[in-house]
Amino acid sequence: MDERYEALLKENAALKRLNKELSAQIYKEDVTQYPWMGNLGHWYWDFPENKVTFNPLKAEAIGYRKEHLPEEVGFEFFTEKIIQKTMKMLWTKCVRT
């Protein structure tokens, strides 16, 4: 049982490293490929853990500073604050035009 446990721990550590590298790569691509006023990347919701991974530049673009965001952003934060604020900004722009 100890060998299987150790193997799972190693696999978990490897997956965490891979995830970190892939997230950094996606973030870098988002920063260099997406225009500032357009899409600032992808948002991923880990349903079982209720964690949202996103490009922090998107949050900054709608007025949230990275240091004011919780360490772990859940779906509720994403929907109740960020989406509402984005929708309000979009609505204001639509009304002005």
Protein backbone atom coordinates (compact mmCIF):
# COMPACT_ATOMS: atom_id res chain seq x y z
CA MET A 1 0.00 0.00 0.00
CA ASP A 2 2.87 2.38 0.77
CA GLU A 3 4.33 1.98 -2.73
CA ARG A 4 1.00 2.83 -4.37
CA TYR A 5 0.61 5.83 -2.08
CA GLU A 6 4.10 7.06 -2.91
CA ALA A 7 3.43 6.56 -6.64
CA LEU A 8 0.23 8.60 -6.35
CA LEU A 9 2.06 11.36 -4.50
CA LYS A 10 4.72 11.49 -7.23
CA GLU A 11 2.09 11.53 -9.98
CA ASN A 12 0.19 14.27 -8.18
CA ALA A 13 3.35 16.38 -7.84
CA ALA A 14 4.15 15.86 -11.53
CA LEU A 15 0.62 16.89 -12.55
CA LYS A 16 0.84 20.00 -10.38
CA ARG A 17 4.13 20.97 -12.04
CA LEU A 18 2.67 20.37 -15.49
CA ASN A 19 -0.44 22.39 -14.64
CA LYS A 20 1.70 25.26 -13.38
CA GLU A 21 3.78 25.27 -16.58
CA LEU A 22 0.74 25.04 -18.85
CA SER A 23 -1.02 27.82 -16.95
CA ALA A 24 2.07 30.03 -17.28
CA GLN A 25 2.24 29.29 -21.00
CA ILE A 26 -1.44 30.09 -21.53
CA TYR A 27 -1.08 33.29 -19.49
CA LYS A 28 1.91 34.34 -21.60
CA GLU A 29 0.02 33.61 -24.82
CA ASP A 30 -3.00 35.55 -23.57
CA VAL A 31 -0.85 38.57 -22.77
CA THR A 32 0.91 38.60 -26.12
CA GLN A 33 -1.91 37.52 -28.44
CA TYR A 34 -5.06 39.18 -27.15
CA PRO A 35 -5.71 42.91 -27.51
CA TRP A 36 -6.22 44.84 -24.27
CA MET A 37 -9.78 45.83 -25.05
CA GLY A 38 -10.80 42.38 -26.23
CA ASN A 39 -10.66 38.92 -24.78
CA LEU A 40 -8.02 38.60 -22.10
CA GLY A 41 -7.89 34.87 -22.10
CA HIS A 42 -9.61 31.83 -20.81
CA TRP A 43 -11.39 31.15 -17.55
CA TYR A 44 -11.38 27.63 -16.10
CA TRP A 45 -13.72 26.44 -13.39
CA ASP A 46 -12.66 23.40 -11.38
CA PHE A 47 -16.16 22.33 -10.45
CA PRO A 48 -15.33 19.82 -7.67
CA GLU A 49 -12.96 22.27 -5.96
CA ASN A 50 -14.99 25.38 -6.88
CA LYS A 51 -11.86 27.24 -8.02
CA VAL A 52 -11.69 29.55 -11.01
CA THR A 53 -8.38 30.03 -12.78
CA PHE A 54 -8.17 33.11 -14.97
CA ASN A 55 -5.88 35.71 -16.45
CA PRO A 56 -5.42 38.37 -13.73
CA LEU A 57 -5.16 41.02 -16.45
CA LYS A 58 -8.88 40.53 -17.09
CA ALA A 59 -9.63 41.27 -13.45
CA GLU A 60 -7.35 44.32 -13.58
CA ALA A 61 -9.02 45.51 -16.80
CA ILE A 62 -12.36 45.67 -15.00
CA GLY A 63 -10.98 47.39 -11.92
CA TYR A 64 -9.75 44.65 -9.57
CA ARG A 65 -6.15 44.75 -8.43
CA LYS A 66 -4.45 41.41 -7.98
CA GLU A 67 -3.75 42.11 -4.31
CA HIS A 68 -7.48 42.68 -3.71
CA LEU A 69 -8.49 39.33 -5.16
CA PRO A 70 -8.80 36.34 -2.85
CA GLU A 71 -6.04 33.77 -3.13
CA GLU A 72 -8.56 31.26 -4.40
CA VAL A 73 -11.40 32.64 -6.50
CA GLY A 74 -14.55 30.55 -6.48
CA PHE A 75 -17.41 30.51 -8.94
CA GLU A 76 -19.47 32.82 -6.71
CA PHE A 77 -16.84 35.55 -6.85
CA PHE A 78 -16.60 35.08 -10.59
CA THR A 79 -20.34 35.38 -11.17
CA GLU A 80 -21.37 37.81 -8.43
CA LYS A 81 -18.60 40.35 -8.81
CA ILE A 82 -16.57 40.03 -11.96
CA ILE A 83 -19.32 39.14 -14.43
CA GLN A 84 -21.72 41.73 -12.99
CA LYS A 85 -19.07 44.43 -13.15
CA THR A 86 -18.17 43.48 -16.71
CA MET A 87 -21.81 43.44 -17.76
CA LYS A 88 -22.35 46.86 -16.17
CA MET A 89 -19.37 48.27 -18.08
CA LEU A 90 -20.61 46.76 -21.34
CA TRP A 91 -24.14 48.04 -20.76
CA THR A 92 -22.81 51.55 -20.04
CA LYS A 93 -20.81 51.49 -23.29
CA CYS A 94 -23.84 50.26 -25.27
CA VAL A 95 -26.09 52.96 -23.85
CA ARG A 96 -23.56 55.67 -24.72
CA THR A 97 -23.33 54.61 -28.38
